[in-house]
Amino acid sequence: MSSNEGSPSNGLPPMPQFRRPETFEEKLYRKFSTQPLVPIGCATTAYFLITGIKSFYNRDAARSQTMMRARVGAQFATLCIFVGYAGMESFNLKFAPGYGEEDNDNKKE
C-alpha cells in the first residue's frame, strides 16, 4: 500500500472521518439537557410504581389502587411529553422550501 492511496490524484475519494463513540454518561447528559422532562416523568412513574407495590405488600388496597392510577397518569404524561419533544424537533417553519434562497444567492455574488 502506498501512502497516497485514497488521495484525489488516483481517483479514489478521501477516507471519511468518523467521530468517536459517545459514552453512556455523555449521551445521558446530552439527552437530559435537551429533553429534561422525560427523565423527570420516568422518575415520577417509578415513584408511583414503587409506592403502589409497597402499599400492595402492606395490604392497603385503597392506597395501592390510587398509586397505580397515578402511575398510569404519570406514564401517559411522560409519553405525551416524549411525543411533544419529538414533534418539536421535527417541526419546521419553512412552509415554502426554497423561499428566500434567491436573496442568499444575490448576497454571495
N, C-alpha and C. Protein backbone atom coordinates (compact mmCIF):
# COMPACT_ATOMS: atom_id res chain seq x y z
N MET A 1 0.84 -1.19 0.00
CA MET A 1 0.00 0.00 0.00
C MET A 1 0.87 1.24 0.00
N SER A 2 0.51 2.16 -0.83
CA SER A 2 1.29 3.38 -0.87
C SER A 2 0.65 4.43 0.02
N SER A 3 1.42 5.46 0.34
CA SER A 3 0.93 6.47 1.26
C SER A 3 -0.09 7.41 0.62
N ASN A 4 -0.16 7.44 -0.72
CA ASN A 4 -1.12 8.34 -1.35
C ASN A 4 -2.38 7.60 -1.78
N GLU A 5 -2.61 6.41 -1.24
CA GLU A 5 -3.83 5.67 -1.55
C GLU A 5 -5.02 6.39 -0.93
N GLY A 6 -6.05 6.61 -1.73
CA GLY A 6 -7.21 7.33 -1.24
C GLY A 6 -7.12 8.82 -1.47
N SER A 7 -6.05 9.27 -2.11
CA SER A 7 -5.95 10.69 -2.40
C SER A 7 -6.68 10.98 -3.70
N PRO A 8 -7.09 12.22 -3.92
CA PRO A 8 -7.84 12.56 -5.13
C PRO A 8 -7.05 12.34 -6.42
N SER A 9 -5.72 12.26 -6.36
CA SER A 9 -4.92 12.12 -7.57
C SER A 9 -5.12 10.76 -8.24
N ASN A 10 -5.43 9.71 -7.48
CA ASN A 10 -5.64 8.40 -8.11
C ASN A 10 -7.12 8.08 -8.29
N GLY A 11 -8.00 9.03 -8.10
CA GLY A 11 -9.41 8.85 -8.40
C GLY A 11 -10.26 8.31 -7.27
N LEU A 12 -9.68 7.94 -6.16
CA LEU A 12 -10.46 7.43 -5.03
C LEU A 12 -10.87 8.58 -4.13
N PRO A 13 -12.09 8.53 -3.60
CA PRO A 13 -12.50 9.59 -2.67
C PRO A 13 -11.71 9.49 -1.37
N PRO A 14 -11.58 10.59 -0.66
CA PRO A 14 -10.84 10.53 0.62
C PRO A 14 -11.60 9.71 1.64
N MET A 15 -10.87 9.18 2.59
CA MET A 15 -11.48 8.38 3.65
C MET A 15 -12.35 9.27 4.53
N PRO A 16 -13.55 8.80 4.90
CA PRO A 16 -14.40 9.61 5.77
C PRO A 16 -13.83 9.69 7.18
N GLN A 17 -14.08 10.80 7.83
CA GLN A 17 -13.62 11.00 9.20
C GLN A 17 -14.77 10.62 10.13
N PHE A 18 -14.53 9.69 11.03
CA PHE A 18 -15.54 9.23 11.96
C PHE A 18 -15.35 9.89 13.31
N ARG A 19 -16.48 10.17 13.96
CA ARG A 19 -16.41 10.69 15.31
C ARG A 19 -16.22 9.54 16.29
N ARG A 20 -15.68 9.85 17.44
CA ARG A 20 -15.53 8.80 18.44
C ARG A 20 -16.89 8.46 19.01
N PRO A 21 -17.08 7.23 19.45
CA PRO A 21 -18.40 6.85 20.01
C PRO A 21 -18.71 7.63 21.28
N GLU A 22 -19.97 7.95 21.45
CA GLU A 22 -20.43 8.69 22.62
C GLU A 22 -20.57 7.73 23.79
N THR A 23 -20.04 8.10 24.94
CA THR A 23 -20.15 7.25 26.12
C THR A 23 -21.56 7.36 26.70
N PHE A 24 -21.89 6.44 27.59
CA PHE A 24 -23.22 6.44 28.21
C PHE A 24 -23.45 7.73 28.99
N GLU A 25 -22.44 8.18 29.73
CA GLU A 25 -22.59 9.39 30.53
C GLU A 25 -22.79 10.62 29.65
N GLU A 26 -22.05 10.69 28.53
CA GLU A 26 -22.21 11.82 27.62
C GLU A 26 -23.60 11.83 26.99
N LYS A 27 -24.07 10.66 26.60
CA LYS A 27 -25.40 10.58 26.00
C LYS A 27 -26.48 10.92 27.01
N LEU A 28 -26.33 10.43 28.25
CA LEU A 28 -27.28 10.73 29.30
C LEU A 28 -27.34 12.23 29.56
N TYR A 29 -26.19 12.88 29.64
CA TYR A 29 -26.15 14.32 29.88
C TYR A 29 -26.77 15.07 28.71
N ARG A 30 -26.46 14.66 27.47
CA ARG A 30 -27.00 15.32 26.29
C ARG A 30 -28.51 15.19 26.23
N LYS A 31 -29.02 13.99 26.47
CA LYS A 31 -30.47 13.78 26.43
C LYS A 31 -31.18 14.52 27.55
N PHE A 32 -30.58 14.52 28.75
CA PHE A 32 -31.21 15.21 29.87
C PHE A 32 -31.23 16.71 29.64
N SER A 33 -30.20 17.26 29.00
CA SER A 33 -30.17 18.70 28.77
C SER A 33 -31.10 19.11 27.63
N THR A 34 -31.34 18.23 26.64
CA THR A 34 -32.23 18.59 25.54
C THR A 34 -33.68 18.27 25.85
N GLN A 35 -33.94 17.23 26.64
CA GLN A 35 -35.30 16.82 26.97
C GLN A 35 -35.41 16.56 28.48
N PRO A 36 -35.39 17.61 29.30
CA PRO A 36 -35.33 17.40 30.75
C PRO A 36 -36.59 16.81 31.37
N LEU A 37 -37.74 16.97 30.74
CA LEU A 37 -38.98 16.50 31.35
C LEU A 37 -39.19 14.99 31.22
N VAL A 38 -38.55 14.36 30.24
CA VAL A 38 -38.73 12.91 30.05
C VAL A 38 -38.13 12.13 31.23
N PRO A 39 -36.88 12.37 31.64
CA PRO A 39 -36.36 11.63 32.80
C PRO A 39 -37.12 11.95 34.10
N ILE A 40 -37.60 13.19 34.22
CA ILE A 40 -38.39 13.54 35.41
C ILE A 40 -39.69 12.74 35.41
N GLY A 41 -40.31 12.61 34.25
CA GLY A 41 -41.53 11.80 34.15
C GLY A 41 -41.28 10.33 34.43
N CYS A 42 -40.13 9.83 33.97
CA CYS A 42 -39.79 8.43 34.26
C CYS A 42 -39.57 8.22 35.76
N ALA A 43 -38.92 9.17 36.41
CA ALA A 43 -38.70 9.06 37.85
C ALA A 43 -40.03 9.13 38.61
N THR A 44 -40.93 9.99 38.16
CA THR A 44 -42.24 10.10 38.79
C THR A 44 -43.02 8.80 38.64
N THR A 45 -42.96 8.22 37.45
CA THR A 45 -43.64 6.94 37.21
C THR A 45 -43.07 5.85 38.11
N ALA A 46 -41.74 5.81 38.22
CA ALA A 46 -41.10 4.80 39.08
C ALA A 46 -41.49 5.01 40.54
N TYR A 47 -41.60 6.26 40.98
CA TYR A 47 -42.00 6.54 42.36
C TYR A 47 -43.40 5.98 42.63
N PHE A 48 -44.34 6.28 41.74
CA PHE A 48 -45.71 5.79 41.93
C PHE A 48 -45.77 4.27 41.88
N LEU A 49 -44.96 3.67 41.02
CA LEU A 49 -44.94 2.21 40.92
C LEU A 49 -44.41 1.58 42.21
N ILE A 50 -43.30 2.10 42.71
CA ILE A 50 -42.71 1.54 43.94
C ILE A 50 -43.63 1.76 45.14
N THR A 51 -44.22 2.94 45.23
CA THR A 51 -45.14 3.22 46.34
C THR A 51 -46.38 2.34 46.25
N GLY A 52 -46.87 2.10 45.05
CA GLY A 52 -48.03 1.23 44.88
C GLY A 52 -47.73 -0.21 45.25
N ILE A 53 -46.53 -0.68 44.89
CA ILE A 53 -46.15 -2.06 45.25
C ILE A 53 -45.98 -2.19 46.76
N LYS A 54 -45.40 -1.17 47.40
CA LYS A 54 -45.28 -1.20 48.86
C LYS A 54 -46.65 -1.23 49.53
N SER A 55 -47.58 -0.43 49.00
CA SER A 55 -48.93 -0.42 49.57
C SER A 55 -49.62 -1.77 49.37
N PHE A 56 -49.39 -2.39 48.24
CA PHE A 56 -49.95 -3.71 47.98
C PHE A 56 -49.36 -4.73 48.95
N TYR A 57 -48.06 -4.63 49.20
CA TYR A 57 -47.39 -5.53 50.14
C TYR A 57 -47.92 -5.35 51.56
N ASN A 58 -48.23 -4.10 51.93
CA ASN A 58 -48.76 -3.80 53.26
C ASN A 58 -50.27 -4.00 53.35
N ARG A 59 -50.88 -4.52 52.31
CA ARG A 59 -52.30 -4.82 52.22
C ARG A 59 -53.19 -3.59 52.40
N ASP A 60 -52.72 -2.47 51.87
CA ASP A 60 -53.53 -1.26 51.85
C ASP A 60 -54.07 -1.11 50.43
N ALA A 61 -55.21 -1.71 50.18
CA ALA A 61 -55.75 -1.82 48.82
C ALA A 61 -56.12 -0.46 48.25
N ALA A 62 -56.69 0.41 49.07
CA ALA A 62 -57.12 1.71 48.56
C ALA A 62 -55.93 2.56 48.11
N ARG A 63 -54.88 2.59 48.94
CA ARG A 63 -53.69 3.37 48.57
C ARG A 63 -52.98 2.73 47.39
N SER A 64 -52.93 1.42 47.34
CA SER A 64 -52.31 0.73 46.21
C SER A 64 -53.03 1.08 44.90
N GLN A 65 -54.35 1.05 44.94
CA GLN A 65 -55.14 1.38 43.75
C GLN A 65 -54.90 2.84 43.33
N THR A 66 -54.84 3.74 44.30
CA THR A 66 -54.59 5.15 44.00
C THR A 66 -53.21 5.34 43.37
N MET A 67 -52.21 4.67 43.90
CA MET A 67 -50.86 4.80 43.36
C MET A 67 -50.75 4.22 41.96
N MET A 68 -51.44 3.11 41.70
CA MET A 68 -51.39 2.52 40.37
C MET A 68 -52.10 3.40 39.34
N ARG A 69 -53.17 4.06 39.76
CA ARG A 69 -53.84 5.01 38.85
C ARG A 69 -52.95 6.22 38.59
N ALA A 70 -52.28 6.68 39.63
CA ALA A 70 -51.35 7.79 39.46
C ALA A 70 -50.18 7.39 38.55
N ARG A 71 -49.75 6.13 38.65
CA ARG A 71 -48.67 5.63 37.78
C ARG A 71 -49.09 5.67 36.32
N VAL A 72 -50.32 5.24 36.05
CA VAL A 72 -50.82 5.27 34.68
C VAL A 72 -50.89 6.71 34.17
N GLY A 73 -51.32 7.62 35.02
CA GLY A 73 -51.35 9.03 34.63
C GLY A 73 -49.96 9.59 34.36
N ALA A 74 -49.01 9.21 35.21
CA ALA A 74 -47.63 9.67 35.01
C ALA A 74 -47.04 9.09 33.73
N GLN A 75 -47.36 7.82 33.44
CA GLN A 75 -46.89 7.22 32.19
C GLN A 75 -47.48 7.95 30.99
N PHE A 76 -48.76 8.26 31.05
CA PHE A 76 -49.41 8.98 29.96
C PHE A 76 -48.78 10.36 29.77
N ALA A 77 -48.56 11.07 30.87
CA ALA A 77 -47.95 12.40 30.79
C ALA A 77 -46.54 12.32 30.21
N THR A 78 -45.76 11.32 30.64
CA THR A 78 -44.41 11.14 30.12
C THR A 78 -44.44 10.83 28.63
N LEU A 79 -45.36 10.00 28.20
CA LEU A 79 -45.48 9.67 26.79
C LEU A 79 -45.87 10.91 25.98
N CYS A 80 -46.79 11.72 26.49
CA CYS A 80 -47.17 12.95 25.81
C CYS A 80 -46.00 13.92 25.71
N ILE A 81 -45.22 14.02 26.76
CA ILE A 81 -44.04 14.88 26.75
C ILE A 81 -43.03 14.38 25.73
N PHE A 82 -42.82 13.07 25.70
CA PHE A 82 -41.89 12.47 24.74
C PHE A 82 -42.32 12.75 23.31
N VAL A 83 -43.59 12.57 23.02
CA VAL A 83 -44.11 12.83 21.68
C VAL A 83 -44.02 14.33 21.37
N GLY A 84 -44.26 15.16 22.36
CA GLY A 84 -44.14 16.60 22.16
C GLY A 84 -42.73 17.02 21.80
N TYR A 85 -41.73 16.46 22.50
CA TYR A 85 -40.35 16.77 22.16
C TYR A 85 -40.00 16.28 20.76
N ALA A 86 -40.47 15.09 20.40
CA ALA A 86 -40.20 14.57 19.05
C ALA A 86 -40.85 15.45 18.00
N GLY A 87 -42.05 15.94 18.27
CA GLY A 87 -42.71 16.84 17.33
C GLY A 87 -42.00 18.18 17.21
N MET A 88 -41.50 18.69 18.33
CA MET A 88 -40.78 19.96 18.29
C MET A 88 -39.50 19.84 17.49
N GLU A 89 -38.81 18.70 17.59
CA GLU A 89 -37.56 18.52 16.86
C GLU A 89 -37.79 18.39 15.37
N SER A 90 -38.94 17.83 14.97
CA SER A 90 -39.18 17.63 13.55
C SER A 90 -39.98 18.77 12.93
N PHE A 91 -40.50 19.69 13.74
CA PHE A 91 -41.31 20.80 13.23
C PHE A 91 -40.42 21.78 12.50
N ASN A 92 -40.88 22.22 11.33
CA ASN A 92 -40.10 23.11 10.50
C ASN A 92 -40.98 24.28 10.09
N LEU A 93 -40.48 25.49 10.20
CA LEU A 93 -41.27 26.66 9.84
C LEU A 93 -41.12 27.05 8.38
N LYS A 94 -40.38 26.28 7.61
CA LYS A 94 -40.23 26.57 6.18
C LYS A 94 -41.45 26.03 5.45
N PHE A 95 -42.44 26.90 5.26
CA PHE A 95 -43.66 26.47 4.61
C PHE A 95 -43.46 26.33 3.10
N ALA A 96 -42.58 27.14 2.54
CA ALA A 96 -42.30 27.08 1.12
C ALA A 96 -40.80 26.83 0.95
N PRO A 97 -40.40 25.59 0.71
CA PRO A 97 -38.97 25.31 0.54
C PRO A 97 -38.40 26.11 -0.63
N GLY A 98 -37.26 26.67 -0.41
CA GLY A 98 -36.61 27.46 -1.45
C GLY A 98 -36.94 28.93 -1.36
N TYR A 99 -37.92 29.30 -0.54
CA TYR A 99 -38.30 30.70 -0.42
C TYR A 99 -37.19 31.45 0.28
N GLY A 100 -36.73 32.51 -0.32
CA GLY A 100 -35.68 33.33 0.26
C GLY A 100 -34.29 32.90 -0.15
N GLU A 101 -34.15 31.79 -0.88
CA GLU A 101 -32.82 31.36 -1.30
C GLU A 101 -32.24 32.27 -2.36
N GLU A 102 -33.10 32.87 -3.20
CA GLU A 102 -32.59 33.78 -4.22
C GLU A 102 -31.98 35.01 -3.58
N ASP A 103 -32.48 35.41 -2.41
CA ASP A 103 -31.89 36.54 -1.69
C ASP A 103 -30.49 36.18 -1.21
N ASN A 104 -30.31 34.94 -0.72
CA ASN A 104 -28.99 34.50 -0.26
C ASN A 104 -28.02 34.37 -1.42
N ASP A 105 -28.50 33.95 -2.61
CA ASP A 105 -27.63 33.83 -3.77
C ASP A 105 -27.12 35.19 -4.22
N ASN A 106 -27.97 36.22 -4.13
CA ASN A 106 -27.55 37.56 -4.52
C ASN A 106 -26.52 38.11 -3.56
N LYS A 107 -26.61 37.76 -2.28
CA LYS A 107 -25.65 38.25 -1.30
C LYS A 107 -24.28 37.61 -1.50
N LYS A 108 -24.26 36.37 -1.98
CA LYS A 108 -22.99 35.67 -2.19
C LYS A 108 -22.20 36.25 -3.35
N GLU A 109 -22.91 36.80 -4.35
CA GLU A 109 -22.23 37.33 -5.55
C GLU A 109 -21.62 38.64 -5.30
